Amino acid sequence: MNVVHSLRRHTGVVSTFDNDAGLGIVDVDGHGPVTLHCVSIADGSRSIAVGTRVRCRLGERLGSLEALEVEAIH
């Protein structure tokens, strides 16, 4: 279960993403690196390119801070 820490939307950049594992890191502006899991990508694609600027919420999943509801900013 995901616990959303805030309804506030944050921005950041995807710094790593491993398509095979479905895991990556988002460098969130003002917060630093947080985990990204492919199921949190809002468009359902389960993949996102490194360097993509994103908007997300921060929440707790499996005991650690994670990017949730991740959307690419175009």
C-alpha atoms as a PDB file:
ATOM      1  CA  MET A   1       0.000   0.000   0.000  1.00  0.00           C
ATOM      2  CA  ASN A   2       1.245   3.498  -0.847  1.00  0.00           C
ATOM      3  CA  VAL A   3       1.003   6.253   1.752  1.00  0.00           C
ATOM      4  CA  VAL A   4       1.036   9.683   0.088  1.00  0.00           C
ATOM      5  CA  HIS A   5       2.963  12.172   2.218  1.00  0.00           C
ATOM      6  CA  SER A   6       1.483  15.223   0.554  1.00  0.00           C
ATOM      7  CA  LEU A   7      -0.976  16.164  -2.133  1.00  0.00           C
ATOM      8  CA  ARG A   8       1.654  18.618  -3.341  1.00  0.00           C
ATOM      9  CA  ARG A   9       3.121  17.850  -6.744  1.00  0.00           C
ATOM     10  CA  HIS A  10       6.925  17.940  -6.979  1.00  0.00           C
ATOM     11  CA  THR A  11       9.144  18.230 -10.035  1.00  0.00           C
ATOM     12  CA  GLY A  12      12.376  16.458 -10.838  1.00  0.00           C
ATOM     13  CA  VAL A  13      14.382  14.545 -13.422  1.00  0.00           C
ATOM     14  CA  VAL A  14      14.671  10.793 -13.998  1.00  0.00           C
ATOM     15  CA  SER A  15      18.373  10.108 -13.370  1.00  0.00           C
ATOM     16  CA  THR A  16      18.326   6.314 -13.837  1.00  0.00           C
ATOM     17  CA  PHE A  17      15.815   3.747 -15.042  1.00  0.00           C
ATOM     18  CA  ASP A  18      16.343   0.036 -15.648  1.00  0.00           C
ATOM     19  CA  ASN A  19      13.600  -1.252 -17.967  1.00  0.00           C
ATOM     20  CA  ASP A  20      14.306  -4.899 -17.098  1.00  0.00           C
ATOM     21  CA  ALA A  21      13.975  -4.318 -13.353  1.00  0.00           C
ATOM     22  CA  GLY A  22      11.289  -1.624 -13.654  1.00  0.00           C
ATOM     23  CA  LEU A  23      13.164   0.547 -11.148  1.00  0.00           C
ATOM     24  CA  GLY A  24      14.852   3.907 -11.264  1.00  0.00           C
ATOM     25  CA  ILE A  25      15.658   7.112  -9.434  1.00  0.00           C
ATOM     26  CA  VAL A  26      14.065  10.557  -9.691  1.00  0.00           C
ATOM     27  CA  ASP A  27      16.157  13.500  -8.501  1.00  0.00           C
ATOM     28  CA  VAL A  28      13.330  15.530  -6.958  1.00  0.00           C
ATOM     29  CA  ASP A  29      13.904  19.282  -6.810  1.00  0.00           C
ATOM     30  CA  GLY A  30      14.492  20.252  -3.172  1.00  0.00           C
ATOM     31  CA  HIS A  31      14.419  16.642  -1.901  1.00  0.00           C
ATOM     32  CA  GLY A  32      17.163  14.735  -3.697  1.00  0.00           C
ATOM     33  CA  PRO A  33      16.953  11.189  -5.053  1.00  0.00           C
ATOM     34  CA  VAL A  34      13.889   8.998  -4.487  1.00  0.00           C
ATOM     35  CA  THR A  35      12.996   5.563  -5.831  1.00  0.00           C
ATOM     36  CA  LEU A  36      10.788   5.196  -8.895  1.00  0.00           C
ATOM     37  CA  HIS A  37       8.905   1.950  -9.560  1.00  0.00           C
ATOM     38  CA  CYS A  38       7.415   1.344 -13.011  1.00  0.00           C
ATOM     39  CA  VAL A  39       3.872   0.924 -11.631  1.00  0.00           C
ATOM     40  CA  SER A  40       4.005   4.577 -10.512  1.00  0.00           C
ATOM     41  CA  ILE A  41       4.312   5.901 -14.078  1.00  0.00           C
ATOM     42  CA  ALA A  42       0.935   7.559 -14.640  1.00  0.00           C
ATOM     43  CA  ASP A  43       0.551   6.849 -18.377  1.00  0.00           C
ATOM     44  CA  GLY A  44       0.729   3.091 -17.767  1.00  0.00           C
ATOM     45  CA  SER A  45       3.753   2.598 -20.041  1.00  0.00           C
ATOM     46  CA  ARG A  46       5.946   1.152 -17.242  1.00  0.00           C
ATOM     47  CA  SER A  47       8.966   2.765 -18.887  1.00  0.00           C
ATOM     48  CA  ILE A  48      10.454   6.255 -18.885  1.00  0.00           C
ATOM     49  CA  ALA A  49      13.579   7.710 -20.462  1.00  0.00           C
ATOM     50  CA  VAL A  50      16.531   8.894 -18.400  1.00  0.00           C
ATOM     51  CA  GLY A  51      16.616  12.696 -18.462  1.00  0.00           C
ATOM     52  CA  THR A  52      12.827  13.075 -18.597  1.00  0.00           C
ATOM     53  CA  ARG A  53      11.540  16.001 -16.544  1.00  0.00           C
ATOM     54  CA  VAL A  54       8.646  14.775 -14.385  1.00  0.00           C
ATOM     55  CA  ARG A  55       5.963  15.856 -11.951  1.00  0.00           C
ATOM     56  CA  CYS A  56       5.134  13.486  -9.062  1.00  0.00           C
ATOM     57  CA  ARG A  57       3.869  13.105  -5.535  1.00  0.00           C
ATOM     58  CA  LEU A  58       6.073  11.710  -2.785  1.00  0.00           C
ATOM     59  CA  GLY A  59       4.889   8.829  -0.670  1.00  0.00           C
ATOM     60  CA  GLU A  60       6.006   5.858   1.333  1.00  0.00           C
ATOM     61  CA  ARG A  61       5.999   2.418  -0.234  1.00  0.00           C
ATOM     62  CA  LEU A  62       7.497  -0.643   1.419  1.00  0.00           C
ATOM     63  CA  GLY A  63       9.083   1.561   4.077  1.00  0.00           C
ATOM     64  CA  SER A  64      10.946   4.032   1.869  1.00  0.00           C
ATOM     65  CA  LEU A  65      10.226   7.332   0.149  1.00  0.00           C
ATOM     66  CA  GLU A  66       9.150   6.879  -3.459  1.00  0.00           C
ATOM     67  CA  ALA A  67       7.932   8.950  -6.411  1.00  0.00           C
ATOM     68  CA  LEU A  68       4.230   8.266  -7.047  1.00  0.00           C
ATOM     69  CA  GLU A  69       1.860   9.286  -9.864  1.00  0.00           C
ATOM     70  CA  VAL A  70       4.853  10.155 -12.065  1.00  0.00           C
ATOM     71  CA  GLU A  71       3.987  12.210 -15.170  1.00  0.00           C
ATOM     72  CA  ALA A  72       6.376  13.436 -17.852  1.00  0.00           C
ATOM     73  CA  ILE A  73       6.382  17.222 -18.294  1.00  0.00           C
ATOM     74  CA  HIS A  74       6.251  18.055 -21.999  1.00  0.00           C
END
